Amino acid sequence: MEKKFLPGRLVCSIAGRDAGKLYIIIDTLSDNMVQVVDGKIRKLTAPKKKNIKHLMAYSQKSGEIEEKKKSGQRITDLEVRNIMKRLMAETLVKRG
């Protein structure tokens, strides 16, 4: 697995019905499969499995999600939405 597809990374789907949709990686299942969520449609209770070939990774990453997963703390959908907003704003600033 490439190091850029780790929990907390902002990604964009480039294939499938959800092409163009932004997600955050919440878990890695294998070398080429991850679980992604957005906190609205794809909630933590039903994450979407995606092949990393069908994802484009952004440089923005949330350390909060990775830390909480390692320590066993609970992550909420509200936290995911807020983190996504922050990471998307950082993406726009870097592009701008």
Protein backbone atom coordinates (compact mmCIF):
# COMPACT_ATOMS: atom_id res chain seq x y z
CA MET A 1 0.00 0.00 0.00
CA GLU A 2 1.19 3.47 -0.80
CA LYS A 3 1.81 5.62 2.27
CA LYS A 4 -0.51 8.33 0.96
CA PHE A 5 -3.59 6.10 1.46
CA LEU A 6 -3.64 6.07 5.25
CA PRO A 7 -6.44 7.01 7.69
CA GLY A 8 -7.16 10.74 7.82
CA ARG A 9 -6.19 11.48 4.19
CA LEU A 10 -8.54 13.56 2.02
CA VAL A 11 -9.30 11.70 -1.23
CA CYS A 12 -11.47 12.17 -4.30
CA SER A 13 -13.22 9.31 -6.08
CA ILE A 14 -12.23 9.18 -9.76
CA ALA A 15 -14.27 6.13 -10.80
CA GLY A 16 -17.73 4.72 -10.15
CA ARG A 17 -21.08 6.34 -9.50
CA ASP A 18 -19.53 8.59 -6.91
CA ALA A 19 -16.82 10.04 -9.21
CA GLY A 20 -15.87 13.54 -8.10
CA LYS A 21 -17.01 13.02 -4.50
CA LEU A 22 -14.64 13.87 -1.64
CA TYR A 23 -14.06 11.49 1.25
CA ILE A 24 -11.74 10.89 4.17
CA ILE A 25 -10.04 7.52 4.54
CA ILE A 26 -11.15 6.00 7.82
CA ASP A 27 -9.51 2.58 7.63
CA THR A 28 -7.25 0.41 5.46
CA LEU A 29 -8.54 -3.07 4.66
CA SER A 30 -5.69 -4.42 2.53
CA ASP A 31 -2.87 -3.22 0.29
CA ASN A 32 -5.33 -1.90 -2.29
CA MET A 33 -8.64 -1.45 -0.43
CA VAL A 34 -9.66 1.31 2.00
CA GLN A 35 -12.84 2.44 3.72
CA VAL A 36 -13.96 6.02 3.15
CA VAL A 37 -16.58 8.27 4.77
CA ASP A 38 -17.89 11.79 4.30
CA GLY A 39 -20.00 12.17 7.47
CA LYS A 40 -23.22 12.95 5.53
CA ILE A 41 -24.18 10.27 3.04
CA ARG A 42 -21.40 7.81 3.86
CA LYS A 43 -21.42 7.73 7.64
CA LEU A 44 -19.11 5.90 10.00
CA THR A 45 -21.76 3.21 10.53
CA ALA A 46 -21.64 2.30 6.80
CA PRO A 47 -18.28 3.25 5.26
CA LYS A 48 -17.70 2.72 1.54
CA LYS A 49 -15.06 0.25 0.38
CA LYS A 50 -12.92 1.70 -2.43
CA ASN A 51 -9.98 0.39 -4.42
CA ILE A 52 -7.07 2.85 -4.19
CA LYS A 53 -6.82 2.74 -8.01
CA HIS A 54 -10.16 4.57 -8.02
CA LEU A 55 -9.03 7.33 -5.65
CA MET A 56 -6.93 10.46 -6.01
CA ALA A 57 -5.18 11.44 -2.77
CA TYR A 58 -4.71 15.06 -1.77
CA SER A 59 -1.73 16.18 0.26
CA GLN A 60 -4.01 17.27 3.14
CA LYS A 61 -4.29 14.84 6.02
CA SER A 62 -5.96 14.94 9.41
CA GLY A 63 -3.78 13.70 12.23
CA GLU A 64 -6.80 13.75 14.55
CA ILE A 65 -8.45 10.75 12.91
CA GLU A 66 -5.26 8.71 12.90
CA GLU A 67 -4.57 9.53 16.57
CA LYS A 68 -8.11 8.69 17.66
CA LYS A 69 -8.04 5.38 15.80
CA LYS A 70 -4.72 4.41 17.39
CA SER A 71 -5.89 5.31 20.89
CA GLY A 72 -9.28 3.63 20.43
CA GLN A 73 -11.30 6.82 20.87
CA ARG A 74 -14.66 7.24 19.17
CA ILE A 75 -14.89 9.37 16.01
CA THR A 76 -18.22 11.03 15.18
CA ASP A 77 -19.76 11.98 11.85
CA LEU A 78 -19.78 15.62 12.97
CA GLU A 79 -16.01 15.48 13.52
CA VAL A 80 -15.57 13.97 10.05
CA ARG A 81 -17.65 16.77 8.45
CA ASN A 82 -15.69 19.47 10.30
CA ILE A 83 -12.35 17.92 9.39
CA MET A 84 -13.43 17.66 5.75
CA LYS A 85 -14.42 21.34 5.70
CA ARG A 86 -11.05 22.33 7.10
CA LEU A 87 -9.08 20.11 4.70
CA MET A 88 -11.10 21.31 1.69
CA ALA A 89 -10.41 24.93 2.68
CA GLU A 90 -6.68 24.15 2.90
CA THR A 91 -6.87 22.53 -0.55
CA LEU A 92 -8.47 25.65 -2.03
CA VAL A 93 -5.90 27.93 -0.42
CA LYS A 94 -3.02 25.88 -1.84
CA ARG A 95 -4.57 25.89 -5.34
CA GLY A 96 -5.62 29.54 -5.21
